[in-house]
C-alpha atoms as a PDB file:
ATOM      1  CA  MET A   1       0.114  -0.187  -0.012  1.00  0.00           C
ATOM      2  CA  THR A   2       2.982   1.721   1.029  1.00  0.00           C
ATOM      3  CA  LYS A   3       5.397   1.021  -1.974  1.00  0.00           C
ATOM      4  CA  GLY A   4       5.570   3.946  -3.897  1.00  0.00           C
ATOM      5  CA  ILE A   5       6.523   6.475  -1.370  1.00  0.00           C
ATOM      6  CA  LYS A   6       9.928   6.976  -1.930  1.00  0.00           C
ATOM      7  CA  THR A   7      10.142   9.907   0.967  1.00  0.00           C
ATOM      8  CA  CYS A   8       9.901   9.230   4.963  1.00  0.00           C
ATOM      9  CA  TYR A   9       6.517   9.521   6.825  1.00  0.00           C
ATOM     10  CA  MET A  10       7.442  11.923   9.002  1.00  0.00           C
ATOM     11  CA  CYS A  11       9.426  14.518   7.039  1.00  0.00           C
ATOM     12  CA  ASP A  12      10.830  14.611   3.336  1.00  0.00           C
ATOM     13  CA  ALA A  13      14.140  12.854   3.690  1.00  0.00           C
ATOM     14  CA  PRO A  14      15.053   9.731   1.771  1.00  0.00           C
ATOM     15  CA  ALA A  15      13.392   6.570   2.636  1.00  0.00           C
ATOM     16  CA  ILE A  16      16.425   4.367   3.298  1.00  0.00           C
ATOM     17  CA  ASP A  17      15.208   2.317   5.823  1.00  0.00           C
ATOM     18  CA  ARG A  18      10.873   1.174   6.941  1.00  0.00           C
ATOM     19  CA  GLU A  19       9.134   1.968  10.536  1.00  0.00           C
ATOM     20  CA  HIS A  20       7.261  -0.863  12.429  1.00  0.00           C
ATOM     21  CA  ILE A  21       4.136   0.838  13.469  1.00  0.00           C
ATOM     22  CA  PRO A  22       3.147  -0.108  16.068  1.00  0.00           C
ATOM     23  CA  PRO A  23       7.651  -0.252  16.606  1.00  0.00           C
ATOM     24  CA  ARG A  24       8.844  -4.134  16.800  1.00  0.00           C
ATOM     25  CA  CYS A  25       9.161  -3.999  20.252  1.00  0.00           C
ATOM     26  CA  PHE A  26       5.454  -3.916  21.224  1.00  0.00           C
ATOM     27  CA  PHE A  27       5.762  -7.559  19.268  1.00  0.00           C
ATOM     28  CA  PRO A  28       6.440 -10.858  21.557  1.00  0.00           C
ATOM     29  CA  LYS A  29       9.813 -12.977  19.913  1.00  0.00           C
ATOM     30  CA  SER A  30       8.814 -16.524  19.116  1.00  0.00           C
ATOM     31  CA  LYS A  31      10.693 -17.923  21.634  1.00  0.00           C
ATOM     32  CA  ASP A  32       9.147 -16.698  24.663  1.00  0.00           C
ATOM     33  CA  LEU A  33       5.655 -17.850  22.786  1.00  0.00           C
ATOM     34  CA  MET A  34       3.854 -21.628  23.953  1.00  0.00           C
ATOM     35  CA  ASP A  35       1.841 -23.687  21.236  1.00  0.00           C
ATOM     36  CA  GLY A  36       4.345 -22.237  18.060  1.00  0.00           C
ATOM     37  CA  GLN A  37       2.353 -18.686  18.050  1.00  0.00           C
ATOM     38  CA  ASP A  38       4.376 -16.144  16.262  1.00  0.00           C
ATOM     39  CA  PHE A  39       3.086 -12.522  16.573  1.00  0.00           C
ATOM     40  CA  ARG A  40       5.871 -10.864  14.019  1.00  0.00           C
ATOM     41  CA  LYS A  41       4.797 -12.032  11.233  1.00  0.00           C
ATOM     42  CA  LYS A  42       2.535  -9.558   9.523  1.00  0.00           C
ATOM     43  CA  LEU A  43       4.282  -6.531  11.113  1.00  0.00           C
ATOM     44  CA  GLN A  44       3.103  -3.422   8.955  1.00  0.00           C
ATOM     45  CA  THR A  45       6.138  -0.683   8.372  1.00  0.00           C
ATOM     46  CA  VAL A  46       6.094   2.745   6.416  1.00  0.00           C
ATOM     47  CA  PRO A  47       8.696   3.886   4.703  1.00  0.00           C
ATOM     48  CA  SER A  48      10.906   6.542   7.217  1.00  0.00           C
ATOM     49  CA  CYS A  49      14.088   7.808   7.049  1.00  0.00           C
ATOM     50  CA  ASN A  50      17.158   6.541  10.316  1.00  0.00           C
ATOM     51  CA  LEU A  51      16.482   9.789  12.368  1.00  0.00           C
ATOM     52  CA  HIS A  52      12.353   9.032  12.378  1.00  0.00           C
ATOM     53  CA  ASN A  53      13.217   5.408  12.742  1.00  0.00           C
ATOM     54  CA  SER A  54      16.163   4.871  14.895  1.00  0.00           C
ATOM     55  CA  GLY A  55      16.804   7.502  15.667  1.00  0.00           C
ATOM     56  CA  LYS A  56      13.782   7.539  18.501  1.00  0.00           C
ATOM     57  CA  SER A  57      14.466   3.303  19.862  1.00  0.00           C
ATOM     58  CA  LYS A  58      14.642   4.899  23.625  1.00  0.00           C
ATOM     59  CA  ASP A  59      11.538   6.513  23.012  1.00  0.00           C
ATOM     60  CA  ASP A  60       9.754   3.472  22.225  1.00  0.00           C
ATOM     61  CA  GLU A  61      11.432   1.505  24.935  1.00  0.00           C
ATOM     62  CA  TYR A  62      10.474   4.251  27.333  1.00  0.00           C
ATOM     63  CA  PHE A  63       6.479   3.753  25.929  1.00  0.00           C
ATOM     64  CA  LEU A  64       6.726   0.427  26.363  1.00  0.00           C
ATOM     65  CA  ASN A  65       7.393  -0.018  29.575  1.00  0.00           C
ATOM     66  CA  VAL A  66       4.700   2.493  30.609  1.00  0.00           C
ATOM     67  CA  VAL A  67       2.462   0.528  28.862  1.00  0.00           C
ATOM     68  CA  VAL A  68       3.111  -3.186  30.471  1.00  0.00           C
ATOM     69  CA  GLY A  69       3.004  -1.699  33.314  1.00  0.00           C
ATOM     70  CA  LEU A  70      -0.551  -1.163  33.574  1.00  0.00           C
ATOM     71  CA  GLU A  71      -2.882  -3.823  35.474  1.00  0.00           C
ATOM     72  CA  SER A  72      -5.523  -3.211  31.995  1.00  0.00           C
ATOM     73  CA  ILE A  73      -3.795  -4.739  29.579  1.00  0.00           C
ATOM     74  CA  ASN A  74      -4.126  -8.619  28.967  1.00  0.00           C
ATOM     75  CA  GLU A  75      -1.804 -11.763  29.915  1.00  0.00           C
ATOM     76  CA  VAL A  76      -0.091 -11.201  26.476  1.00  0.00           C
ATOM     77  CA  GLY A  77       1.238  -7.734  27.756  1.00  0.00           C
ATOM     78  CA  ARG A  78       2.034  -9.440  30.976  1.00  0.00           C
ATOM     79  CA  ASN A  79       3.642 -12.291  29.465  1.00  0.00           C
ATOM     80  CA  HIS A  80       5.819 -10.391  27.771  1.00  0.00           C
ATOM     81  CA  TYR A  81       7.029  -7.897  30.193  1.00  0.00           C
ATOM     82  CA  ARG A  82       7.923 -10.897  32.828  1.00  0.00           C
ATOM     83  CA  ASN A  83       9.850 -12.656  28.823  1.00  0.00           C
ATOM     84  CA  GLN A  84      11.818 -10.132  27.355  1.00  0.00           C
ATOM     85  CA  ILE A  85      11.156  -6.551  28.730  1.00  0.00           C
ATOM     86  CA  ARG A  86      12.831  -8.105  31.640  1.00  0.00           C
ATOM     87  CA  ARG A  87      15.893  -9.436  30.331  1.00  0.00           C
ATOM     88  CA  GLN A  88      15.899  -6.540  27.856  1.00  0.00           C
ATOM     89  CA  ASN A  89      15.983  -4.270  31.274  1.00  0.00           C
ATOM     90  CA  LYS A  90      18.469  -5.954  33.705  1.00  0.00           C
ATOM     91  CA  ARG A  91      20.606  -6.291  30.503  1.00  0.00           C
ATOM     92  CA  ASN A  92      20.522  -2.192  30.949  1.00  0.00           C
ATOM     93  CA  SER A  93      19.033  -0.319  34.361  1.00  0.00           C
ATOM     94  CA  SER A  94      18.697   2.886  33.039  1.00  0.00           C
ATOM     95  CA  ILE A  95      15.132   2.874  31.986  1.00  0.00           C
ATOM     96  CA  LEU A  96      14.007   1.167  35.463  1.00  0.00           C
ATOM     97  CA  ALA A  97      16.443   3.923  37.535  1.00  0.00           C
ATOM     98  CA  ARG A  98      14.380   6.552  35.680  1.00  0.00           C
ATOM     99  CA  PHE A  99      11.102   4.897  36.399  1.00  0.00           C
ATOM    100  CA  ALA A 100      12.762   3.954  40.723  1.00  0.00           C
ATOM    101  CA  ASP A 101      13.576   8.423  40.276  1.00  0.00           C
ATOM    102  CA  ARG A 102       9.242   9.132  39.865  1.00  0.00           C
ATOM    103  CA  ALA A 103       8.138   7.258  42.302  1.00  0.00           C
ATOM    104  CA  VAL A 104       5.198   8.585  44.123  1.00  0.00           C
ATOM    105  CA  GLU A 105       3.268   7.010  47.057  1.00  0.00           C
ATOM    106  CA  VAL A 106      -1.065   7.425  46.182  1.00  0.00           C
ATOM    107  CA  ASP A 107      -3.703   6.269  48.324  1.00  0.00           C
ATOM    108  CA  GLY A 108      -1.539   3.402  49.406  1.00  0.00           C
ATOM    109  CA  ARG A 109      -0.194   2.466  46.702  1.00  0.00           C
ATOM    110  CA  PHE A 110       2.840   3.401  44.693  1.00  0.00           C
ATOM    111  CA  GLY A 111       3.410   4.291  41.017  1.00  0.00           C
ATOM    112  CA  HIS A 112       5.258   6.785  38.858  1.00  0.00           C
ATOM    113  CA  GLU A 113       5.318   9.902  36.995  1.00  0.00           C
ATOM    114  CA  ILE A 114       5.194   9.970  33.630  1.00  0.00           C
ATOM    115  CA  GLU A 115       7.781  11.464  31.279  1.00  0.00           C
ATOM    116  CA  ILE A 116       5.157  13.173  29.508  1.00  0.00           C
ATOM    117  CA  SER A 117       7.688  15.121  26.989  1.00  0.00           C
ATOM    118  CA  ARG A 118       8.880  11.121  26.128  1.00  0.00           C
ATOM    119  CA  VAL A 119       5.702   9.982  25.875  1.00  0.00           C
ATOM    120  CA  ASP A 120       4.412  13.024  23.569  1.00  0.00           C
ATOM    121  CA  SER A 121       7.385  12.154  21.512  1.00  0.00           C
ATOM    122  CA  PHE A 122       6.517   8.646  21.222  1.00  0.00           C
ATOM    123  CA  VAL A 123       2.569   9.461  20.538  1.00  0.00           C
ATOM    124  CA  ASP A 124       3.524  12.138  17.609  1.00  0.00           C
ATOM    125  CA  HIS A 125       5.883   9.830  15.459  1.00  0.00           C
ATOM    126  CA  PHE A 126       3.073   7.062  16.184  1.00  0.00           C
ATOM    127  CA  ALA A 127       0.442   8.969  15.378  1.00  0.00           C
ATOM    128  CA  ARG A 128       1.910  10.026  11.691  1.00  0.00           C
ATOM    129  CA  ALA A 129       2.957   6.809  11.273  1.00  0.00           C
ATOM    130  CA  LEU A 130      -0.471   5.530  11.551  1.00  0.00           C
ATOM    131  CA  TYR A 131      -2.207   8.108   9.724  1.00  0.00           C
ATOM    132  CA  PHE A 132       0.586   7.442   6.428  1.00  0.00           C
ATOM    133  CA  LEU A 133      -0.767   3.394   7.095  1.00  0.00           C
ATOM    134  CA  HIS A 134      -3.898   3.858   6.844  1.00  0.00           C
ATOM    135  CA  TYR A 135      -4.126   6.663   4.410  1.00  0.00           C
ATOM    136  CA  SER A 136      -1.181   6.277   2.122  1.00  0.00           C
ATOM    137  CA  LYS A 137      -0.629  10.216   2.998  1.00  0.00           C
ATOM    138  CA  LYS A 138       1.727  12.160   5.747  1.00  0.00           C
ATOM    139  CA  TRP A 139      -0.319  13.985   7.855  1.00  0.00           C
ATOM    140  CA  GLN A 140       1.705  17.297   8.291  1.00  0.00           C
ATOM    141  CA  GLY A 141      -0.697  18.815  10.256  1.00  0.00           C
ATOM    142  CA  GLU A 142      -1.776  19.699  13.823  1.00  0.00           C
ATOM    143  CA  LEU A 143      -2.776  16.636  16.327  1.00  0.00           C
ATOM    144  CA  SER A 144      -3.984  15.579  19.569  1.00  0.00           C
ATOM    145  CA  TRP A 145      -4.251  13.132  21.323  1.00  0.00           C
ATOM    146  CA  PHE A 146      -5.715  11.729  24.877  1.00  0.00           C
ATOM    147  CA  PRO A 147      -4.399   9.137  27.237  1.00  0.00           C
ATOM    148  CA  GLU A 148      -7.284   7.298  28.379  1.00  0.00           C
ATOM    149  CA  PHE A 149      -4.644   4.649  30.128  1.00  0.00           C
ATOM    150  CA  LEU A 150      -3.265   7.449  32.108  1.00  0.00           C
ATOM    151  CA  ALA A 151      -5.380   7.586  35.938  1.00  0.00           C
ATOM    152  CA  ARG A 152      -4.993  10.395  37.575  1.00  0.00           C
ATOM    153  CA  PRO A 153      -5.678  10.701  41.716  1.00  0.00           C
ATOM    154  CA  PRO A 154      -9.006   9.688  43.207  1.00  0.00           C
ATOM    155  CA  HIS A 155     -11.560  12.277  43.657  1.00  0.00           C
ATOM    156  CA  THR A 156      -9.967  14.885  41.180  1.00  0.00           C
ATOM    157  CA  GLU A 157     -11.488  16.790  38.118  1.00  0.00           C
ATOM    158  CA  GLU A 158      -9.398  15.688  36.165  1.00  0.00           C
ATOM    159  CA  GLU A 159     -10.060  11.828  36.601  1.00  0.00           C
ATOM    160  CA  ALA A 160     -13.079  12.699  36.391  1.00  0.00           C
ATOM    161  CA  MET A 161     -12.855  13.907  33.189  1.00  0.00           C
ATOM    162  CA  ARG A 162     -10.785  10.943  31.876  1.00  0.00           C
ATOM    163  CA  VAL A 163     -13.435   8.398  33.060  1.00  0.00           C
ATOM    164  CA  GLU A 164     -16.623  10.852  31.277  1.00  0.00           C
ATOM    165  CA  ALA A 165     -13.615  11.035  28.327  1.00  0.00           C
ATOM    166  CA  VAL A 166     -13.943   6.860  28.269  1.00  0.00           C
ATOM    167  CA  ARG A 167     -17.165   6.526  28.436  1.00  0.00           C
ATOM    168  CA  GLY A 168     -18.219   9.070  25.671  1.00  0.00           C
ATOM    169  CA  ASN A 169     -14.880   7.265  23.480  1.00  0.00           C
ATOM    170  CA  ASP A 170     -16.877   3.708  24.501  1.00  0.00           C
ATOM    171  CA  HIS A 171     -20.332   5.481  22.893  1.00  0.00           C
ATOM    172  CA  LEU A 172     -18.634   6.873  19.612  1.00  0.00           C
ATOM    173  CA  PHE A 173     -16.551   3.625  18.657  1.00  0.00           C
ATOM    174  CA  HIS A 174     -19.015   1.051  20.592  1.00  0.00           C
ATOM    175  CA  ASP A 175     -20.018  -0.158  16.538  1.00  0.00           C
ATOM    176  CA  VAL A 176     -16.686   0.606  15.127  1.00  0.00           C
ATOM    177  CA  GLY A 177     -14.898  -2.182  13.297  1.00  0.00           C
ATOM    178  CA  PHE A 178     -10.916  -2.747  14.103  1.00  0.00           C
ATOM    179  CA  HIS A 179      -7.494  -2.975  11.622  1.00  0.00           C
ATOM    180  CA  GLY A 180      -4.723  -4.498  12.694  1.00  0.00           C
ATOM    181  CA  SER A 181      -3.122  -8.463  12.420  1.00  0.00           C
ATOM    182  CA  ASN A 182      -2.064  -8.679  15.796  1.00  0.00           C
ATOM    183  CA  PRO A 183      -5.214  -7.605  17.785  1.00  0.00           C
ATOM    184  CA  ASP A 184      -4.341  -8.932  21.352  1.00  0.00           C
ATOM    185  CA  ILE A 185      -1.400  -6.768  21.093  1.00  0.00           C
ATOM    186  CA  PHE A 186      -2.458  -3.955  18.564  1.00  0.00           C
ATOM    187  CA  LYS A 187      -5.732  -2.534  16.822  1.00  0.00           C
ATOM    188  CA  TYR A 188      -7.219   0.944  16.133  1.00  0.00           C
ATOM    189  CA  GLN A 189     -10.993   1.911  14.650  1.00  0.00           C
ATOM    190  CA  VAL A 190     -11.151   5.100  12.639  1.00  0.00           C
ATOM    191  CA  VAL A 191     -14.291   7.122  12.823  1.00  0.00           C
ATOM    192  CA  GLU A 192     -14.332   9.760   9.983  1.00  0.00           C
ATOM    193  CA  SER A 193     -16.209  13.422   9.400  1.00  0.00           C
ATOM    194  CA  SER A 194     -16.245  16.307   7.528  1.00  0.00           C
ATOM    195  CA  GLN A 195     -13.998  18.333   9.954  1.00  0.00           C
ATOM    196  CA  GLU A 196     -11.697  15.803  11.878  1.00  0.00           C
ATOM    197  CA  VAL A 197     -10.455  11.893  11.877  1.00  0.00           C
ATOM    198  CA  ILE A 198     -10.638  10.521  15.278  1.00  0.00           C
ATOM    199  CA  ILE A 199      -8.872   6.673  15.839  1.00  0.00           C
ATOM    200  CA  ARG A 200      -8.425   4.712  18.677  1.00  0.00           C
ATOM    201  CA  VAL A 201      -5.700   3.218  19.288  1.00  0.00           C
ATOM    202  CA  HIS A 202      -5.552  -0.125  21.749  1.00  0.00           C
ATOM    203  CA  PHE A 203      -2.491  -1.754  23.305  1.00  0.00           C
ATOM    204  CA  TYR A 204      -3.067  -5.015  24.533  1.00  0.00           C
ATOM    205  CA  GLU A 205      -6.556  -4.582  24.605  1.00  0.00           C
ATOM    206  CA  GLY A 206      -6.970  -2.611  28.227  1.00  0.00           C
ATOM    207  CA  CYS A 207      -4.031  -0.056  26.866  1.00  0.00           C
ATOM    208  CA  LYS A 208      -5.853   2.633  24.971  1.00  0.00           C
ATOM    209  CA  PHE A 209      -5.563   6.433  23.573  1.00  0.00           C
ATOM    210  CA  TYR A 210      -6.968   8.125  21.331  1.00  0.00           C
ATOM    211  CA  LEU A 211      -5.440  10.710  18.051  1.00  0.00           C
ATOM    212  CA  GLU A 212      -7.020  12.804  16.320  1.00  0.00           C
ATOM    213  CA  PHE A 213      -6.119  14.561  12.999  1.00  0.00           C
END
């Protein structure tokens, strides 16, 4: 679908590589799976320059660690953390150190403050790659996103707004079909109007956010 494009999905530099959408690190290796499963078949890619592929790998890894730390994800995501991600973090403890430095306690439970600039960077690249994948053309305008998965402190106005946004999206997308060849890991839904495109993204079923173009 995108083979005729000669420049990067993100910029006008020559496309010398292919960017996986979502990044390959989100998909477990076959050696960590049972019953001959292989989630790394049929991976989807878009044309990319080196900067907007391997140059953003640290943000990809950071966002993946955020996602697999959520209680709401499915067993595929949990197993991915127990196996491949835990091995990687043992070899390179810098990500764990960053999380530890931002640890917080809320109502007797421990969590951590998200490095929102890194998450924003991941989402901006991911959103533009996803738009390219779906429409076979670049999105070079403004975009916004809302993290349904990112809970705020209980009994706050911010948390009430998040909960209301999730309910609204559940209603908006309740009968909209899914795209994605590995839905246990990644799938998305699209709603279009004359003014905007809204895409709801699902990682490991329980991590959801939406994008507005």
